[in-house]
Amino acid sequence: AANSFGIFQQEPFDVIWRVSPDAANDAREHLFHPSQTFEDQPDGSLLVRFRAGGLLEMCWHLFTWGGAIQVLGPPELVELAREQVERFRAALPPG
């Protein structure tokens, strides 16, 4: 379980997220993963690093942060997040 983000089992990746300055305080109080580390940035943002699998579940979790988290790595997660956003957009009515 320590190698996963949630319930999905997958080989672990080195994950890096950048949390916007407005959400940094909330993120510091959130347990994303037991292996997480935080790095304060000069602009007030926060880097969150951890090692885990479960990339799809990470994408779903990122939606709950309303765009406050930017995926910096791994590249597989960046691409999967783009795909999930496009699938979500395609499911919306035209307008």
N, C-alpha and C. Protein backbone atom coordinates (compact mmCIF):
# COMPACT_ATOMS: atom_id res chain seq x y z
N ALA A 1 0.82 -1.20 0.00
CA ALA A 1 0.00 0.00 0.00
C ALA A 1 0.86 1.26 0.00
N ALA A 2 2.06 1.18 0.56
CA ALA A 2 2.93 2.36 0.61
C ALA A 2 3.41 2.78 -0.77
N ASN A 3 3.29 1.89 -1.75
CA ASN A 3 3.71 2.22 -3.12
C ASN A 3 2.59 2.81 -3.95
N SER A 4 1.37 2.89 -3.41
CA SER A 4 0.26 3.40 -4.19
C SER A 4 -0.25 4.72 -3.65
N PHE A 5 -0.92 5.43 -4.54
CA PHE A 5 -1.57 6.68 -4.14
C PHE A 5 -2.90 6.37 -3.47
N GLY A 6 -3.58 5.38 -3.97
CA GLY A 6 -4.89 4.97 -3.44
C GLY A 6 -4.97 3.46 -3.48
N ILE A 7 -6.03 2.96 -4.08
CA ILE A 7 -6.22 1.52 -4.10
C ILE A 7 -5.61 0.84 -5.32
N PHE A 8 -5.32 1.60 -6.38
CA PHE A 8 -4.77 1.00 -7.58
C PHE A 8 -3.31 0.63 -7.37
N GLN A 9 -2.95 -0.58 -7.75
CA GLN A 9 -1.56 -1.03 -7.65
C GLN A 9 -0.86 -0.77 -8.98
N GLN A 10 0.29 -0.15 -8.92
CA GLN A 10 1.05 0.19 -10.11
C GLN A 10 2.49 0.42 -9.66
N GLU A 11 3.43 0.20 -10.56
CA GLU A 11 4.82 0.51 -10.23
C GLU A 11 4.91 1.97 -9.81
N PRO A 12 5.68 2.28 -8.77
CA PRO A 12 5.75 3.66 -8.31
C PRO A 12 6.55 4.58 -9.24
N PHE A 13 6.17 5.83 -9.22
CA PHE A 13 6.83 6.91 -9.97
C PHE A 13 7.26 7.97 -8.98
N ASP A 14 8.25 8.77 -9.36
CA ASP A 14 8.61 9.95 -8.59
C ASP A 14 7.70 11.09 -9.03
N VAL A 15 6.83 11.53 -8.14
CA VAL A 15 5.80 12.51 -8.44
C VAL A 15 6.22 13.87 -7.90
N ILE A 16 6.02 14.91 -8.71
CA ILE A 16 6.28 16.28 -8.29
C ILE A 16 5.09 17.14 -8.69
N TRP A 17 4.50 17.79 -7.71
CA TRP A 17 3.40 18.72 -7.94
C TRP A 17 3.79 20.09 -7.42
N ARG A 18 3.33 21.13 -8.11
CA ARG A 18 3.50 22.50 -7.64
C ARG A 18 2.13 23.02 -7.23
N VAL A 19 2.02 23.39 -5.96
CA VAL A 19 0.77 23.91 -5.41
C VAL A 19 0.84 25.43 -5.44
N SER A 20 -0.21 26.06 -5.95
CA SER A 20 -0.24 27.52 -6.05
C SER A 20 -0.12 28.17 -4.67
N PRO A 21 0.37 29.40 -4.63
CA PRO A 21 0.50 30.09 -3.35
C PRO A 21 -0.81 30.15 -2.54
N ASP A 22 -1.96 30.32 -3.23
CA ASP A 22 -3.24 30.42 -2.48
C ASP A 22 -3.62 29.11 -1.80
N ALA A 23 -3.16 27.98 -2.32
CA ALA A 23 -3.53 26.68 -1.76
C ALA A 23 -2.40 26.04 -0.95
N ALA A 24 -1.26 26.70 -0.86
CA ALA A 24 -0.08 26.10 -0.22
C ALA A 24 -0.34 25.76 1.25
N ASN A 25 -1.00 26.64 1.99
CA ASN A 25 -1.26 26.35 3.40
C ASN A 25 -2.16 25.13 3.57
N ASP A 26 -3.20 25.02 2.75
CA ASP A 26 -4.07 23.85 2.81
C ASP A 26 -3.30 22.58 2.45
N ALA A 27 -2.44 22.67 1.45
CA ALA A 27 -1.67 21.50 1.03
C ALA A 27 -0.72 21.03 2.12
N ARG A 28 -0.14 21.97 2.87
CA ARG A 28 0.77 21.59 3.97
C ARG A 28 0.05 20.76 5.03
N GLU A 29 -1.25 20.94 5.15
CA GLU A 29 -2.03 20.20 6.14
C GLU A 29 -2.65 18.92 5.58
N HIS A 30 -2.42 18.66 4.30
CA HIS A 30 -3.04 17.51 3.63
C HIS A 30 -2.03 16.37 3.50
N LEU A 31 -2.49 15.15 3.74
CA LEU A 31 -1.65 13.98 3.52
C LEU A 31 -1.94 13.44 2.13
N PHE A 32 -1.08 13.77 1.18
CA PHE A 32 -1.21 13.24 -0.17
C PHE A 32 -0.71 11.79 -0.20
N HIS A 33 0.41 11.57 0.47
CA HIS A 33 1.03 10.24 0.49
C HIS A 33 1.97 10.18 1.69
N PRO A 34 2.12 9.00 2.32
CA PRO A 34 3.00 8.90 3.49
C PRO A 34 4.46 9.30 3.22
N SER A 35 4.91 9.19 1.98
CA SER A 35 6.31 9.53 1.68
C SER A 35 6.50 10.98 1.25
N GLN A 36 5.45 11.79 1.35
CA GLN A 36 5.51 13.16 0.83
C GLN A 36 6.55 14.02 1.54
N THR A 37 7.12 14.93 0.77
CA THR A 37 7.96 15.99 1.32
C THR A 37 7.48 17.30 0.71
N PHE A 38 7.71 18.39 1.41
CA PHE A 38 7.32 19.72 0.94
C PHE A 38 8.57 20.58 0.77
N GLU A 39 8.53 21.44 -0.25
CA GLU A 39 9.59 22.42 -0.46
C GLU A 39 8.94 23.77 -0.72
N ASP A 40 9.11 24.70 0.21
CA ASP A 40 8.59 26.05 0.02
C ASP A 40 9.35 26.73 -1.11
N GLN A 41 8.64 27.46 -1.95
CA GLN A 41 9.24 28.17 -3.07
C GLN A 41 9.21 29.67 -2.81
N PRO A 42 10.15 30.42 -3.40
CA PRO A 42 10.22 31.87 -3.16
C PRO A 42 8.94 32.62 -3.50
N ASP A 43 8.15 32.12 -4.46
CA ASP A 43 6.92 32.81 -4.86
C ASP A 43 5.72 32.46 -3.98
N GLY A 44 5.94 31.65 -2.94
CA GLY A 44 4.86 31.26 -2.05
C GLY A 44 4.22 29.94 -2.42
N SER A 45 4.59 29.40 -3.56
CA SER A 45 4.06 28.09 -3.95
C SER A 45 4.78 27.00 -3.16
N LEU A 46 4.34 25.78 -3.33
CA LEU A 46 4.85 24.67 -2.57
C LEU A 46 5.06 23.49 -3.52
N LEU A 47 6.24 22.89 -3.48
CA LEU A 47 6.46 21.66 -4.23
C LEU A 47 6.15 20.49 -3.31
N VAL A 48 5.38 19.54 -3.83
CA VAL A 48 5.06 18.32 -3.11
C VAL A 48 5.71 17.19 -3.88
N ARG A 49 6.50 16.38 -3.19
CA ARG A 49 7.16 15.24 -3.83
C ARG A 49 6.81 13.96 -3.06
N PHE A 50 6.59 12.90 -3.79
CA PHE A 50 6.40 11.59 -3.18
C PHE A 50 6.62 10.52 -4.24
N ARG A 51 6.72 9.29 -3.83
CA ARG A 51 6.91 8.17 -4.75
C ARG A 51 5.73 7.23 -4.60
N ALA A 52 4.98 7.05 -5.70
CA ALA A 52 3.79 6.20 -5.63
C ALA A 52 3.32 5.85 -7.04
N GLY A 53 2.55 4.78 -7.12
CA GLY A 53 1.83 4.42 -8.33
C GLY A 53 0.39 4.89 -8.18
N GLY A 54 -0.45 4.49 -9.14
CA GLY A 54 -1.85 4.91 -9.09
C GLY A 54 -2.07 6.24 -9.78
N LEU A 55 -1.48 6.40 -10.96
CA LEU A 55 -1.54 7.67 -11.67
C LEU A 55 -2.96 8.12 -11.98
N LEU A 56 -3.83 7.19 -12.37
CA LEU A 56 -5.21 7.58 -12.69
C LEU A 56 -5.91 8.13 -11.45
N GLU A 57 -5.70 7.48 -10.33
CA GLU A 57 -6.32 7.95 -9.10
C GLU A 57 -5.76 9.32 -8.70
N MET A 58 -4.49 9.57 -8.97
CA MET A 58 -3.91 10.89 -8.73
C MET A 58 -4.61 11.94 -9.57
N CYS A 59 -4.86 11.62 -10.84
CA CYS A 59 -5.57 12.56 -11.72
C CYS A 59 -6.93 12.92 -11.15
N TRP A 60 -7.66 11.92 -10.72
CA TRP A 60 -8.98 12.18 -10.16
C TRP A 60 -8.87 13.06 -8.92
N HIS A 61 -7.86 12.80 -8.09
CA HIS A 61 -7.67 13.60 -6.88
C HIS A 61 -7.32 15.06 -7.23
N LEU A 62 -6.53 15.24 -8.26
CA LEU A 62 -6.13 16.60 -8.66
C LEU A 62 -7.34 17.47 -9.00
N PHE A 63 -8.39 16.87 -9.56
CA PHE A 63 -9.60 17.63 -9.87
C PHE A 63 -10.20 18.27 -8.61
N THR A 64 -10.04 17.62 -7.46
CA THR A 64 -10.63 18.16 -6.23
C THR A 64 -9.93 19.43 -5.77
N TRP A 65 -8.74 19.70 -6.32
CA TRP A 65 -7.99 20.90 -5.94
C TRP A 65 -8.29 22.07 -6.86
N GLY A 66 -9.20 21.91 -7.79
CA GLY A 66 -9.69 23.01 -8.62
C GLY A 66 -8.63 23.78 -9.39
N GLY A 67 -7.63 23.09 -9.89
CA GLY A 67 -6.60 23.75 -10.68
C GLY A 67 -5.48 24.38 -9.87
N ALA A 68 -5.46 24.16 -8.55
CA ALA A 68 -4.43 24.74 -7.70
C ALA A 68 -3.12 23.95 -7.74
N ILE A 69 -3.15 22.76 -8.35
CA ILE A 69 -1.95 21.93 -8.40
C ILE A 69 -1.54 21.72 -9.85
N GLN A 70 -0.29 22.02 -10.12
CA GLN A 70 0.30 21.80 -11.45
C GLN A 70 1.15 20.54 -11.37
N VAL A 71 0.96 19.63 -12.32
CA VAL A 71 1.74 18.40 -12.37
C VAL A 71 3.06 18.69 -13.08
N LEU A 72 4.17 18.49 -12.38
CA LEU A 72 5.49 18.68 -12.97
C LEU A 72 6.12 17.36 -13.40
N GLY A 73 5.75 16.27 -12.79
CA GLY A 73 6.30 14.99 -13.17
C GLY A 73 5.61 13.89 -12.41
N PRO A 74 5.72 12.69 -12.91
CA PRO A 74 6.48 12.24 -14.08
C PRO A 74 5.75 12.57 -15.38
N PRO A 75 6.45 12.45 -16.51
CA PRO A 75 5.80 12.74 -17.80
C PRO A 75 4.55 11.89 -18.05
N GLU A 76 4.54 10.67 -17.54
CA GLU A 76 3.37 9.80 -17.71
C GLU A 76 2.14 10.39 -17.03
N LEU A 77 2.35 11.02 -15.90
CA LEU A 77 1.22 11.65 -15.19
C LEU A 77 0.78 12.92 -15.88
N VAL A 78 1.72 13.68 -16.41
CA VAL A 78 1.37 14.89 -17.17
C VAL A 78 0.48 14.51 -18.35
N GLU A 79 0.88 13.49 -19.09
CA GLU A 79 0.12 13.06 -20.27
C GLU A 79 -1.25 12.50 -19.87
N LEU A 80 -1.28 11.69 -18.83
CA LEU A 80 -2.55 11.12 -18.38
C LEU A 80 -3.50 12.22 -17.91
N ALA A 81 -2.98 13.23 -17.22
CA ALA A 81 -3.82 14.35 -16.77
C ALA A 81 -4.41 15.08 -17.97
N ARG A 82 -3.59 15.30 -19.01
CA ARG A 82 -4.11 15.94 -20.23
C ARG A 82 -5.24 15.11 -20.84
N GLU A 83 -5.02 13.80 -20.92
CA GLU A 83 -6.04 12.91 -21.48
C GLU A 83 -7.33 12.97 -20.67
N GLN A 84 -7.22 12.96 -19.35
CA GLN A 84 -8.40 13.00 -18.49
C GLN A 84 -9.16 14.31 -18.65
N VAL A 85 -8.44 15.42 -18.75
CA VAL A 85 -9.09 16.72 -18.97
C VAL A 85 -9.85 16.71 -20.29
N GLU A 86 -9.23 16.17 -21.33
CA GLU A 86 -9.90 16.11 -22.65
C GLU A 86 -11.13 15.21 -22.61
N ARG A 87 -11.05 14.09 -21.91
CA ARG A 87 -12.21 13.20 -21.79
C ARG A 87 -13.34 13.91 -21.06
N PHE A 88 -13.00 14.64 -20.01
CA PHE A 88 -14.00 15.39 -19.25
C PHE A 88 -14.62 16.47 -20.11
N ARG A 89 -13.79 17.19 -20.85
CA ARG A 89 -14.27 18.25 -21.73
C ARG A 89 -15.19 17.68 -22.81
N ALA A 90 -14.85 16.53 -23.37
CA ALA A 90 -15.66 15.91 -24.42
C ALA A 90 -17.02 15.47 -23.90
N ALA A 91 -17.10 15.20 -22.61
CA ALA A 91 -18.37 14.75 -22.03
C ALA A 91 -19.32 15.90 -21.71
N LEU A 92 -18.85 17.13 -21.79
CA LEU A 92 -19.71 18.29 -21.51
C LEU A 92 -20.54 18.65 -22.73
N PRO A 93 -21.74 19.20 -22.50
CA PRO A 93 -22.54 19.62 -23.64
C PRO A 93 -21.86 20.79 -24.35
N PRO A 94 -22.11 20.95 -25.65
CA PRO A 94 -21.49 22.07 -26.37
C PRO A 94 -21.95 23.40 -25.78
N GLY A 95 -21.08 24.36 -25.88
CA GLY A 95 -21.50 25.64 -25.38
C GLY A 95 -20.39 26.53 -25.26
